[in-house]
C-alpha atoms as a PDB file:
ATOM      1  CA  MET A   1     -18.639 -55.673  -0.539  1.00  0.00           C
ATOM      2  CA  SER A   2     -16.675 -58.473   1.110  1.00  0.00           C
ATOM      3  CA  ALA A   3     -17.720 -61.939  -0.009  1.00  0.00           C
ATOM      4  CA  ALA A   4     -17.555 -63.023   3.623  1.00  0.00           C
ATOM      5  CA  LEU A   5     -20.474 -60.736   4.378  1.00  0.00           C
ATOM      6  CA  GLU A   6     -22.639 -62.060   1.614  1.00  0.00           C
ATOM      7  CA  ALA A   7     -25.412 -64.520   2.332  1.00  0.00           C
ATOM      8  CA  PRO A   8     -26.461 -67.093  -0.283  1.00  0.00           C
ATOM      9  CA  PRO A   9     -29.523 -66.180  -2.299  1.00  0.00           C
ATOM     10  CA  HIS A  10     -32.821 -67.360  -0.855  1.00  0.00           C
ATOM     11  CA  GLU A  11     -35.440 -69.167  -2.874  1.00  0.00           C
ATOM     12  CA  THR A  12     -39.113 -68.475  -2.429  1.00  0.00           C
ATOM     13  CA  ARG A  13     -40.508 -71.099  -0.096  1.00  0.00           C
ATOM     14  CA  VAL A  14     -44.090 -72.279  -0.018  1.00  0.00           C
ATOM     15  CA  LEU A  15     -45.615 -75.125   1.916  1.00  0.00           C
ATOM     16  CA  SER A  16     -44.654 -78.475   0.385  1.00  0.00           C
ATOM     17  CA  ARG A  17     -46.516 -81.711   1.094  1.00  0.00           C
ATOM     18  CA  ARG A  18     -43.830 -82.590   3.665  1.00  0.00           C
ATOM     19  CA  ASP A  19     -44.196 -79.145   5.290  1.00  0.00           C
ATOM     20  CA  PHE A  20     -47.957 -79.653   5.361  1.00  0.00           C
ATOM     21  CA  ILE A  21     -47.522 -82.928   7.240  1.00  0.00           C
ATOM     22  CA  THR A  22     -44.962 -81.348   9.592  1.00  0.00           C
ATOM     23  CA  LEU A  23     -47.258 -78.410  10.294  1.00  0.00           C
ATOM     24  CA  SER A  24     -50.175 -80.709  11.008  1.00  0.00           C
ATOM     25  CA  SER A  25     -48.202 -82.765  13.518  1.00  0.00           C
ATOM     26  CA  LEU A  26     -46.561 -79.779  15.217  1.00  0.00           C
ATOM     27  CA  ALA A  27     -49.831 -77.870  15.382  1.00  0.00           C
ATOM     28  CA  ALA A  28     -51.419 -80.802  17.127  1.00  0.00           C
ATOM     29  CA  VAL A  29     -48.807 -80.453  19.869  1.00  0.00           C
ATOM     30  CA  SER A  30     -49.751 -76.803  20.363  1.00  0.00           C
ATOM     31  CA  VAL A  31     -53.357 -77.770  21.048  1.00  0.00           C
ATOM     32  CA  PHE A  32     -52.164 -79.380  24.260  1.00  0.00           C
ATOM     33  CA  SER A  33     -50.008 -76.378  25.238  1.00  0.00           C
ATOM     34  CA  GLY A  34     -53.085 -74.478  26.399  1.00  0.00           C
ATOM     35  CA  CYS A  35     -52.329 -71.586  24.017  1.00  0.00           C
ATOM     36  CA  VAL A  36     -54.578 -72.604  21.146  1.00  0.00           C
ATOM     37  CA  THR A  37     -58.267 -73.455  21.163  1.00  0.00           C
ATOM     38  CA  ARG A  38     -58.809 -74.224  17.491  1.00  0.00           C
ATOM     39  CA  GLU A  39     -56.385 -75.643  14.902  1.00  0.00           C
ATOM     40  CA  THR A  40     -56.754 -75.993  11.176  1.00  0.00           C
ATOM     41  CA  VAL A  41     -54.231 -75.892   8.369  1.00  0.00           C
ATOM     42  CA  ASN A  42     -56.395 -73.915   5.951  1.00  0.00           C
ATOM     43  CA  GLU A  43     -57.353 -70.416   6.963  1.00  0.00           C
ATOM     44  CA  SER A  44     -60.903 -69.705   7.959  1.00  0.00           C
ATOM     45  CA  PRO A  45     -62.579 -67.031  10.098  1.00  0.00           C
ATOM     46  CA  GLY A  46     -61.539 -67.459  13.699  1.00  0.00           C
ATOM     47  CA  GLU A  47     -58.774 -69.902  12.835  1.00  0.00           C
ATOM     48  CA  TYR A  48     -56.809 -71.067  15.911  1.00  0.00           C
ATOM     49  CA  ALA A  49     -58.484 -68.242  17.826  1.00  0.00           C
ATOM     50  CA  THR A  50     -57.074 -67.523  21.249  1.00  0.00           C
ATOM     51  CA  ALA A  51     -59.004 -66.047  24.130  1.00  0.00           C
ATOM     52  CA  GLU A  52     -56.891 -62.902  23.642  1.00  0.00           C
ATOM     53  CA  PRO A  53     -55.193 -62.116  20.312  1.00  0.00           C
ATOM     54  CA  ILE A  54     -51.452 -61.442  20.185  1.00  0.00           C
ATOM     55  CA  ILE A  55     -49.531 -59.610  17.455  1.00  0.00           C
ATOM     56  CA  ASP A  56     -45.837 -60.458  17.018  1.00  0.00           C
ATOM     57  CA  ILE A  57     -44.155 -57.617  15.132  1.00  0.00           C
ATOM     58  CA  HIS A  58     -40.795 -59.350  14.631  1.00  0.00           C
ATOM     59  CA  GLN A  59     -40.404 -62.671  12.854  1.00  0.00           C
ATOM     60  CA  HIS A  60     -38.337 -63.988   9.955  1.00  0.00           C
ATOM     61  CA  THR A  61     -38.686 -66.589   7.240  1.00  0.00           C
ATOM     62  CA  ASN A  62     -35.979 -69.257   6.861  1.00  0.00           C
ATOM     63  CA  TYR A  63     -34.608 -68.216  10.258  1.00  0.00           C
ATOM     64  CA  ALA A  64     -31.569 -70.417  10.976  1.00  0.00           C
ATOM     65  CA  GLY A  65     -32.976 -72.961   8.519  1.00  0.00           C
ATOM     66  CA  ARG A  66     -36.491 -73.079   9.976  1.00  0.00           C
ATOM     67  CA  THR A  67     -39.162 -74.029   7.427  1.00  0.00           C
ATOM     68  CA  ASP A  68     -42.388 -72.157   6.833  1.00  0.00           C
ATOM     69  CA  ALA A  69     -44.308 -75.019   8.449  1.00  0.00           C
ATOM     70  CA  GLU A  70     -42.114 -74.854  11.558  1.00  0.00           C
ATOM     71  CA  LEU A  71     -42.531 -71.066  11.726  1.00  0.00           C
ATOM     72  CA  ILE A  72     -46.319 -71.377  11.580  1.00  0.00           C
ATOM     73  CA  ALA A  73     -46.336 -74.067  14.265  1.00  0.00           C
ATOM     74  CA  HIS A  74     -43.997 -71.978  16.454  1.00  0.00           C
ATOM     75  CA  GLN A  75     -46.261 -68.936  16.281  1.00  0.00           C
ATOM     76  CA  ARG A  76     -49.343 -71.002  17.041  1.00  0.00           C
ATOM     77  CA  ALA A  77     -47.683 -72.584  20.050  1.00  0.00           C
ATOM     78  CA  LEU A  78     -46.933 -69.079  21.348  1.00  0.00           C
ATOM     79  CA  GLY A  79     -50.584 -68.160  20.904  1.00  0.00           C
ATOM     80  CA  VAL A  80     -49.684 -65.472  18.355  1.00  0.00           C
ATOM     81  CA  THR A  81     -52.598 -64.702  16.046  1.00  0.00           C
ATOM     82  CA  HIS A  82     -50.849 -62.329  13.629  1.00  0.00           C
ATOM     83  CA  SER A  83     -47.146 -62.004  12.800  1.00  0.00           C
ATOM     84  CA  ILE A  84     -45.132 -59.419  10.890  1.00  0.00           C
ATOM     85  CA  LEU A  85     -42.495 -60.976   8.620  1.00  0.00           C
ATOM     86  CA  LEU A  86     -39.310 -58.905   8.351  1.00  0.00           C
ATOM     87  CA  PRO A  87     -37.144 -59.685   5.297  1.00  0.00           C
ATOM     88  CA  ALA A  88     -33.387 -59.395   5.040  1.00  0.00           C
ATOM     89  CA  GLY A  89     -31.381 -57.336   2.599  1.00  0.00           C
ATOM     90  CA  ARG A  90     -29.903 -59.277  -0.286  1.00  0.00           C
ATOM     91  CA  TYR A  91     -26.301 -59.468   0.977  1.00  0.00           C
ATOM     92  CA  PHE A  92     -26.627 -60.168   4.659  1.00  0.00           C
ATOM     93  CA  GLY A  93     -29.540 -62.395   5.624  1.00  0.00           C
ATOM     94  CA  LEU A  94     -29.523 -60.514   8.937  1.00  0.00           C
ATOM     95  CA  GLU A  95     -26.579 -62.759   9.919  1.00  0.00           C
ATOM     96  CA  ALA A  96     -29.014 -65.603  10.580  1.00  0.00           C
ATOM     97  CA  GLY A  97     -29.813 -66.980   7.169  1.00  0.00           C
ATOM     98  CA  CYS A  98     -33.136 -65.138   7.067  1.00  0.00           C
ATOM     99  CA  GLY A  99     -35.142 -64.924   3.885  1.00  0.00           C
ATOM    100  CA  GLY A 100     -35.511 -61.838   1.763  1.00  0.00           C
ATOM    101  CA  ASN A 101     -38.440 -60.011   0.209  1.00  0.00           C
ATOM    102  CA  ASP A 102     -39.160 -62.902  -2.132  1.00  0.00           C
ATOM    103  CA  THR A 103     -39.782 -65.273   0.807  1.00  0.00           C
ATOM    104  CA  VAL A 104     -42.115 -63.149   2.934  1.00  0.00           C
ATOM    105  CA  LEU A 105     -44.518 -62.159   0.173  1.00  0.00           C
ATOM    106  CA  PRO A 106     -45.758 -65.655  -0.797  1.00  0.00           C
ATOM    107  CA  LEU A 107     -46.231 -66.747   2.817  1.00  0.00           C
ATOM    108  CA  ALA A 108     -48.225 -63.624   3.670  1.00  0.00           C
ATOM    109  CA  ARG A 109     -50.355 -64.036   0.564  1.00  0.00           C
ATOM    110  CA  LYS A 110     -50.996 -67.705   1.336  1.00  0.00           C
ATOM    111  CA  PHE A 111     -52.006 -66.979   4.950  1.00  0.00           C
ATOM    112  CA  PRO A 112     -53.181 -63.344   5.063  1.00  0.00           C
ATOM    113  CA  ARG A 113     -54.985 -63.757   8.396  1.00  0.00           C
ATOM    114  CA  GLN A 114     -51.761 -64.941  10.030  1.00  0.00           C
ATOM    115  CA  PHE A 115     -49.099 -62.778   8.374  1.00  0.00           C
ATOM    116  CA  SER A 116     -48.297 -59.295   7.140  1.00  0.00           C
ATOM    117  CA  PHE A 117     -44.875 -58.299   5.833  1.00  0.00           C
ATOM    118  CA  PHE A 118     -42.377 -55.465   5.554  1.00  0.00           C
ATOM    119  CA  ALA A 119     -40.050 -54.640   2.665  1.00  0.00           C
ATOM    120  CA  ASN A 120     -36.298 -54.247   3.013  1.00  0.00           C
ATOM    121  CA  GLU A 121     -32.986 -53.639   1.281  1.00  0.00           C
ATOM    122  CA  VAL A 122     -29.425 -52.531   2.050  1.00  0.00           C
ATOM    123  CA  PRO A 123     -29.866 -48.738   2.159  1.00  0.00           C
ATOM    124  CA  TYR A 124     -26.686 -47.735   0.307  1.00  0.00           C
ATOM    125  CA  LEU A 125     -27.309 -49.925  -2.750  1.00  0.00           C
ATOM    126  CA  ASP A 126     -28.338 -48.044  -5.883  1.00  0.00           C
ATOM    127  CA  GLU A 127     -31.288 -50.403  -6.322  1.00  0.00           C
ATOM    128  CA  ALA A 128     -32.557 -50.069  -2.714  1.00  0.00           C
ATOM    129  CA  ASP A 129     -35.207 -47.517  -3.599  1.00  0.00           C
ATOM    130  CA  ARG A 130     -36.529 -49.589  -6.496  1.00  0.00           C
ATOM    131  CA  GLU A 131     -36.562 -52.852  -4.511  1.00  0.00           C
ATOM    132  CA  ILE A 132     -38.374 -51.435  -1.495  1.00  0.00           C
ATOM    133  CA  ARG A 133     -40.915 -49.632  -3.663  1.00  0.00           C
ATOM    134  CA  LYS A 134     -41.637 -52.862  -5.495  1.00  0.00           C
ATOM    135  CA  TYR A 135     -42.682 -54.657  -2.320  1.00  0.00           C
ATOM    136  CA  LEU A 136     -44.453 -51.708  -0.738  1.00  0.00           C
ATOM    137  CA  ARG A 137     -46.628 -51.613  -3.835  1.00  0.00           C
ATOM    138  CA  ARG A 138     -47.259 -55.332  -3.408  1.00  0.00           C
ATOM    139  CA  GLY A 139     -48.625 -54.864   0.090  1.00  0.00           C
ATOM    140  CA  ALA A 140     -45.720 -54.411   2.507  1.00  0.00           C
ATOM    141  CA  ILE A 141     -46.842 -52.368   5.523  1.00  0.00           C
ATOM    142  CA  GLY A 142     -43.421 -51.185   6.702  1.00  0.00           C
ATOM    143  CA  ILE A 143     -39.669 -51.152   6.038  1.00  0.00           C
ATOM    144  CA  GLY A 144     -37.193 -53.314   7.930  1.00  0.00           C
ATOM    145  CA  GLU A 145     -35.593 -54.834   9.743  1.00  0.00           C
ATOM    146  CA  GLN A 146     -32.954 -52.245   8.852  1.00  0.00           C
ATOM    147  CA  LYS A 147     -29.820 -53.944  10.184  1.00  0.00           C
ATOM    148  CA  PHE A 148     -26.937 -52.578   8.171  1.00  0.00           C
ATOM    149  CA  GLN A 149     -23.543 -50.982   8.727  1.00  0.00           C
ATOM    150  CA  VAL A 150     -24.472 -47.314   8.468  1.00  0.00           C
ATOM    151  CA  ASP A 151     -24.821 -44.432  10.891  1.00  0.00           C
ATOM    152  CA  CYS A 152     -28.430 -44.033  11.991  1.00  0.00           C
ATOM    153  CA  ASP A 153     -28.540 -40.475  10.589  1.00  0.00           C
ATOM    154  CA  SER A 154     -26.496 -41.168   7.459  1.00  0.00           C
ATOM    155  CA  PRO A 155     -27.614 -40.060   3.964  1.00  0.00           C
ATOM    156  CA  ALA A 156     -28.107 -43.750   3.124  1.00  0.00           C
ATOM    157  CA  PHE A 157     -30.528 -44.267   5.975  1.00  0.00           C
ATOM    158  CA  GLN A 158     -32.302 -40.999   5.234  1.00  0.00           C
ATOM    159  CA  ARG A 159     -33.160 -42.465   1.819  1.00  0.00           C
ATOM    160  CA  ILE A 160     -35.095 -45.132   3.738  1.00  0.00           C
ATOM    161  CA  ALA A 161     -36.809 -42.526   5.891  1.00  0.00           C
ATOM    162  CA  ASP A 162     -37.778 -40.584   2.759  1.00  0.00           C
ATOM    163  CA  LEU A 163     -39.423 -43.716   1.342  1.00  0.00           C
ATOM    164  CA  ALA A 164     -41.240 -44.334   4.615  1.00  0.00           C
ATOM    165  CA  ALA A 165     -42.568 -40.780   4.554  1.00  0.00           C
ATOM    166  CA  GLU A 166     -43.734 -41.147   0.958  1.00  0.00           C
ATOM    167  CA  PHE A 167     -45.599 -44.410   1.625  1.00  0.00           C
ATOM    168  CA  ASN A 168     -46.666 -43.540   5.184  1.00  0.00           C
ATOM    169  CA  VAL A 169     -45.194 -46.704   6.721  1.00  0.00           C
ATOM    170  CA  PRO A 170     -43.005 -47.292   9.811  1.00  0.00           C
ATOM    171  CA  VAL A 171     -39.337 -48.326   9.824  1.00  0.00           C
ATOM    172  CA  LEU A 172     -38.023 -51.006  12.217  1.00  0.00           C
ATOM    173  CA  MET A 173     -34.358 -50.489  13.158  1.00  0.00           C
ATOM    174  CA  HIS A 174     -31.704 -52.662  14.782  1.00  0.00           C
ATOM    175  CA  PHE A 175     -29.403 -50.471  16.905  1.00  0.00           C
ATOM    176  CA  GLN A 176     -26.091 -52.104  17.814  1.00  0.00           C
ATOM    177  CA  HIS A 177     -23.085 -50.102  19.018  1.00  0.00           C
ATOM    178  CA  ASP A 178     -20.214 -49.887  16.523  1.00  0.00           C
ATOM    179  CA  ARG A 179     -22.000 -52.205  14.094  1.00  0.00           C
ATOM    180  CA  TYR A 180     -25.542 -51.426  12.931  1.00  0.00           C
ATOM    181  CA  ASN A 181     -27.319 -48.037  12.781  1.00  0.00           C
ATOM    182  CA  THR A 182     -24.476 -46.558  14.776  1.00  0.00           C
ATOM    183  CA  GLU A 183     -24.241 -43.178  16.554  1.00  0.00           C
ATOM    184  CA  PHE A 184     -27.447 -43.813  18.479  1.00  0.00           C
ATOM    185  CA  ALA A 185     -27.001 -40.583  20.438  1.00  0.00           C
ATOM    186  CA  ARG A 186     -27.730 -38.684  17.216  1.00  0.00           C
ATOM    187  CA  PHE A 187     -30.952 -40.506  16.360  1.00  0.00           C
ATOM    188  CA  HIS A 188     -33.069 -37.723  17.822  1.00  0.00           C
ATOM    189  CA  LYS A 189     -32.074 -35.676  14.764  1.00  0.00           C
ATOM    190  CA  VAL A 190     -33.802 -38.204  12.519  1.00  0.00           C
ATOM    191  CA  LEU A 191     -36.937 -38.141  14.685  1.00  0.00           C
ATOM    192  CA  GLU A 192     -36.978 -34.366  14.430  1.00  0.00           C
ATOM    193  CA  LYS A 193     -36.357 -34.284  10.674  1.00  0.00           C
ATOM    194  CA  TYR A 194     -39.066 -36.892   9.976  1.00  0.00           C
ATOM    195  CA  PRO A 195     -41.837 -36.141  12.488  1.00  0.00           C
ATOM    196  CA  ARG A 196     -44.469 -37.889  10.349  1.00  0.00           C
ATOM    197  CA  VAL A 197     -42.518 -41.150  10.078  1.00  0.00           C
ATOM    198  CA  ASN A 198     -42.882 -43.713  12.849  1.00  0.00           C
ATOM    199  CA  PHE A 199     -39.728 -45.595  13.821  1.00  0.00           C
ATOM    200  CA  ILE A 200     -39.516 -48.796  15.873  1.00  0.00           C
ATOM    201  CA  GLY A 201     -36.360 -49.308  17.967  1.00  0.00           C
ATOM    202  CA  HIS A 202     -34.911 -52.775  18.551  1.00  0.00           C
ATOM    203  CA  ALA A 203     -31.798 -54.649  19.659  1.00  0.00           C
ATOM    204  CA  GLN A 204     -28.876 -54.320  22.028  1.00  0.00           C
ATOM    205  CA  THR A 205     -28.095 -50.607  22.025  1.00  0.00           C
ATOM    206  CA  TRP A 206     -31.752 -49.664  22.015  1.00  0.00           C
ATOM    207  CA  TRP A 207     -32.527 -51.733  25.130  1.00  0.00           C
ATOM    208  CA  ALA A 208     -29.260 -51.163  26.983  1.00  0.00           C
ATOM    209  CA  ASN A 209     -29.955 -47.423  26.888  1.00  0.00           C
ATOM    210  CA  ILE A 210     -32.998 -47.618  29.126  1.00  0.00           C
ATOM    211  CA  ASP A 211     -30.297 -47.025  31.781  1.00  0.00           C
ATOM    212  CA  LYS A 212     -29.060 -43.477  32.386  1.00  0.00           C
ATOM    213  CA  ASP A 213     -25.695 -44.900  33.511  1.00  0.00           C
ATOM    214  CA  HIS A 214     -25.189 -47.186  30.509  1.00  0.00           C
ATOM    215  CA  SER A 215     -21.679 -47.662  29.092  1.00  0.00           C
ATOM    216  CA  GLN A 216     -22.195 -47.919  25.324  1.00  0.00           C
ATOM    217  CA  PRO A 217     -19.907 -50.869  24.474  1.00  0.00           C
ATOM    218  CA  GLN A 218     -21.924 -53.136  26.777  1.00  0.00           C
ATOM    219  CA  LEU A 219     -24.616 -54.977  24.828  1.00  0.00           C
ATOM    220  CA  TYR A 220     -26.281 -57.056  27.562  1.00  0.00           C
ATOM    221  CA  PRO A 221     -25.797 -55.199  30.875  1.00  0.00           C
ATOM    222  CA  LYS A 222     -26.973 -56.969  34.017  1.00  0.00           C
ATOM    223  CA  THR A 223     -26.809 -54.193  36.596  1.00  0.00           C
ATOM    224  CA  PRO A 224     -29.847 -52.452  38.148  1.00  0.00           C
ATOM    225  CA  VAL A 225     -31.278 -49.679  35.963  1.00  0.00           C
ATOM    226  CA  THR A 226     -31.146 -45.973  36.681  1.00  0.00           C
ATOM    227  CA  PRO A 227     -34.176 -44.450  34.914  1.00  0.00           C
ATOM    228  CA  GLY A 228     -33.663 -41.670  32.409  1.00  0.00           C
ATOM    229  CA  GLY A 229     -31.505 -43.353  29.789  1.00  0.00           C
ATOM    230  CA  LEU A 230     -31.442 -42.260  26.157  1.00  0.00           C
ATOM    231  CA  THR A 231     -34.093 -44.786  25.093  1.00  0.00           C
ATOM    232  CA  ASP A 232     -36.312 -43.708  27.981  1.00  0.00           C
ATOM    233  CA  LYS A 233     -36.011 -40.076  26.870  1.00  0.00           C
ATOM    234  CA  LEU A 234     -36.685 -40.802  23.202  1.00  0.00           C
ATOM    235  CA  LEU A 235     -39.875 -42.686  24.071  1.00  0.00           C
ATOM    236  CA  ARG A 236     -40.922 -39.865  26.375  1.00  0.00           C
ATOM    237  CA  ASP A 237     -40.072 -36.903  24.155  1.00  0.00           C
ATOM    238  CA  TYR A 238     -40.829 -38.032  20.600  1.00  0.00           C
ATOM    239  CA  PRO A 239     -44.248 -39.317  19.523  1.00  0.00           C
ATOM    240  CA  ASN A 240     -42.807 -41.054  16.439  1.00  0.00           C
ATOM    241  CA  ILE A 241     -40.593 -43.658  18.165  1.00  0.00           C
ATOM    242  CA  TYR A 242     -41.759 -47.037  19.506  1.00  0.00           C
ATOM    243  CA  GLY A 243     -40.041 -49.998  21.159  1.00  0.00           C
ATOM    244  CA  ASP A 244     -39.889 -53.627  19.967  1.00  0.00           C
ATOM    245  CA  THR A 245     -39.555 -56.041  22.922  1.00  0.00           C
ATOM    246  CA  SER A 246     -37.952 -58.847  20.909  1.00  0.00           C
ATOM    247  CA  ALA A 247     -34.771 -60.908  21.044  1.00  0.00           C
ATOM    248  CA  GLY A 248     -32.262 -61.541  23.795  1.00  0.00           C
ATOM    249  CA  SER A 249     -31.745 -57.813  24.221  1.00  0.00           C
ATOM    250  CA  GLY A 250     -35.421 -57.225  24.952  1.00  0.00           C
ATOM    251  CA  LEU A 251     -35.582 -60.203  27.293  1.00  0.00           C
ATOM    252  CA  ASN A 252     -32.468 -58.960  29.109  1.00  0.00           C
ATOM    253  CA  ALA A 253     -34.068 -55.543  29.605  1.00  0.00           C
ATOM    254  CA  PHE A 254     -37.169 -57.165  31.091  1.00  0.00           C
ATOM    255  CA  THR A 255     -35.305 -59.404  33.514  1.00  0.00           C
ATOM    256  CA  ARG A 256     -32.239 -57.395  34.633  1.00  0.00           C
ATOM    257  CA  ASP A 257     -34.284 -55.143  36.950  1.00  0.00           C
ATOM    258  CA  GLU A 258     -37.907 -56.175  37.169  1.00  0.00           C
ATOM    259  CA  ALA A 259     -38.921 -53.392  39.548  1.00  0.00           C
ATOM    260  CA  HIS A 260     -37.662 -50.830  37.044  1.00  0.00           C
ATOM    261  CA  MET A 261     -39.360 -52.621  34.158  1.00  0.00           C
ATOM    262  CA  ARG A 262     -42.764 -52.444  35.839  1.00  0.00           C
ATOM    263  CA  ASP A 263     -42.431 -48.677  35.997  1.00  0.00           C
ATOM    264  CA  PHE A 264     -41.036 -48.552  32.448  1.00  0.00           C
ATOM    265  CA  LEU A 265     -44.048 -50.475  31.089  1.00  0.00           C
ATOM    266  CA  ALA A 266     -46.411 -48.102  32.860  1.00  0.00           C
ATOM    267  CA  ARG A 267     -44.517 -45.045  31.614  1.00  0.00           C
ATOM    268  CA  HIS A 268     -44.395 -46.163  27.972  1.00  0.00           C
ATOM    269  CA  GLN A 269     -47.494 -48.329  27.790  1.00  0.00           C
ATOM    270  CA  ASP A 270     -48.617 -46.749  24.517  1.00  0.00           C
ATOM    271  CA  LYS A 271     -45.217 -47.061  22.802  1.00  0.00           C
ATOM    272  CA  LEU A 272     -44.204 -50.729  23.302  1.00  0.00           C
ATOM    273  CA  LEU A 273     -44.912 -53.618  20.911  1.00  0.00           C
ATOM    274  CA  TYR A 274     -44.511 -57.340  21.516  1.00  0.00           C
ATOM    275  CA  GLY A 275     -41.963 -59.021  19.249  1.00  0.00           C
ATOM    276  CA  SER A 276     -40.258 -62.396  19.501  1.00  0.00           C
ATOM    277  CA  ASP A 277     -37.392 -62.472  16.918  1.00  0.00           C
ATOM    278  CA  CYS A 278     -37.046 -66.109  17.889  1.00  0.00           C
ATOM    279  CA  ASP A 279     -35.553 -68.868  15.685  1.00  0.00           C
ATOM    280  CA  ASP A 280     -36.813 -71.629  17.976  1.00  0.00           C
ATOM    281  CA  LYS A 281     -38.918 -74.335  16.279  1.00  0.00           C
ATOM    282  CA  ILE A 282     -41.154 -75.295  19.209  1.00  0.00           C
ATOM    283  CA  GLY A 283     -42.602 -72.114  20.687  1.00  0.00           C
ATOM    284  CA  THR A 284     -42.407 -73.174  24.325  1.00  0.00           C
ATOM    285  CA  GLY A 285     -39.776 -73.820  26.978  1.00  0.00           C
ATOM    286  CA  PRO A 286     -36.575 -72.110  28.138  1.00  0.00           C
ATOM    287  CA  LYS A 287     -34.953 -72.029  24.681  1.00  0.00           C
ATOM    288  CA  CYS A 288     -37.799 -69.988  23.186  1.00  0.00           C
ATOM    289  CA  GLN A 289     -37.113 -66.283  23.681  1.00  0.00           C
ATOM    290  CA  GLY A 290     -40.543 -65.410  22.380  1.00  0.00           C
ATOM    291  CA  ALA A 291     -42.206 -67.479  25.094  1.00  0.00           C
ATOM    292  CA  GLN A 292     -39.946 -66.001  27.796  1.00  0.00           C
ATOM    293  CA  ILE A 293     -40.694 -62.440  26.699  1.00  0.00           C
ATOM    294  CA  LEU A 294     -44.418 -63.193  26.722  1.00  0.00           C
ATOM    295  CA  ALA A 295     -44.120 -64.595  30.229  1.00  0.00           C
ATOM    296  CA  ALA A 296     -42.231 -61.484  31.363  1.00  0.00           C
ATOM    297  CA  ILE A 297     -44.913 -59.178  29.952  1.00  0.00           C
ATOM    298  CA  HIS A 298     -47.664 -61.174  31.658  1.00  0.00           C
ATOM    299  CA  ARG A 299     -45.700 -61.069  34.916  1.00  0.00           C
ATOM    300  CA  LEU A 300     -44.562 -57.446  34.900  1.00  0.00           C
ATOM    301  CA  ALA A 301     -47.325 -55.474  33.204  1.00  0.00           C
ATOM    302  CA  PRO A 302     -48.831 -53.239  35.906  1.00  0.00           C
ATOM    303  CA  SER A 303     -52.377 -53.916  34.707  1.00  0.00           C
ATOM    304  CA  LYS A 304     -54.331 -56.063  32.301  1.00  0.00           C
ATOM    305  CA  ALA A 305     -55.053 -53.023  30.164  1.00  0.00           C
ATOM    306  CA  ILE A 306     -51.326 -52.299  29.762  1.00  0.00           C
ATOM    307  CA  GLU A 307     -50.605 -55.944  28.955  1.00  0.00           C
ATOM    308  CA  ARG A 308     -53.215 -55.907  26.172  1.00  0.00           C
ATOM    309  CA  LYS A 309     -51.790 -52.716  24.688  1.00  0.00           C
ATOM    310  CA  ILE A 310     -48.292 -54.225  24.459  1.00  0.00           C
ATOM    311  CA  LEU A 311     -49.428 -57.604  23.167  1.00  0.00           C
ATOM    312  CA  HIS A 312     -52.003 -56.378  20.690  1.00  0.00           C
ATOM    313  CA  GLY A 313     -53.503 -52.902  20.748  1.00  0.00           C
ATOM    314  CA  ASN A 314     -50.409 -50.774  20.109  1.00  0.00           C
ATOM    315  CA  ALA A 315     -49.252 -52.818  17.109  1.00  0.00           C
ATOM    316  CA  LYS A 316     -52.715 -52.978  15.604  1.00  0.00           C
ATOM    317  CA  LYS A 317     -53.049 -49.202  15.790  1.00  0.00           C
ATOM    318  CA  LEU A 318     -49.513 -48.342  14.641  1.00  0.00           C
ATOM    319  CA  LEU A 319     -49.522 -50.773  11.700  1.00  0.00           C
ATOM    320  CA  ARG A 320     -53.158 -50.069  10.810  1.00  0.00           C
ATOM    321  CA  LEU A 321     -53.939 -53.771  10.761  1.00  0.00           C
ATOM    322  CA  PRO A 322     -57.411 -55.040   9.821  1.00  0.00           C
ATOM    323  CA  ALA A 323     -60.073 -55.858  12.394  1.00  0.00           C
ATOM    324  CA  SER A 324     -59.316 -59.574  12.054  1.00  0.00           C
ATOM    325  CA  ALA A 325     -55.694 -59.180  13.263  1.00  0.00           C
END
């Protein structure tokens, strides 16, 4: 393993007195954003309840240096009521300095109404099985974000799918041409081999392939979309694959051809899940991808019922979240 690819180890982070003060001041700002109707620092029933709950399936601890307090304030400003924390593998930090398993567990335990967490590890490491099992047994409700340099149908990744089948949890995958979970055109073989495992697709190659005419090296295409791309077909043909709307790739898919996206949301209304994957510290404005994706869903969802499925219902059902989520 090249040292250049290694990320520094992450320490477990809990709310310090300074973080507490930061959270209190930032949360106060979100009260005036119109997203939040009740703010407290300590959890209680109905804490910061919104008129309509929102589940964010894609967030990270320590993201680009963001503190736990800033993460909490960011999610509240978005109006998110429950977030899924996705840890990094030990050597990579998901290329963004994200925290590992040891950072998501304490935050989720401290604020269980606000956070759930996945478990993760580099799939080809000998200790991957042991590490993921450890955190699944401690309450992780999924595996991911799997963002590693393997083929998507490789023996290494199939070890992850085997674990997911054993524990009956989903796997969230980052598909990026020639880099992460490569050979996307073969992923249908995994869906067929593991029909009882639910997979969640994310990132550039996943979203670029909503277009039948997509050229694979392009990561953020801007041209109008021809329906019937590989992602479109996977969502249509396989009940065990879902789509994560997060990041610049998701936002690009929403905005490159809005007429197509309206039809896409209608077609796959039961398979799409809101995610932000946003390292912003504020939770509003043009620099916050999470806020822009939310705005696009509100604008483009063909009906209120479809909007609510994408922002809440689908994730709650897929992840088997409690009634309070």
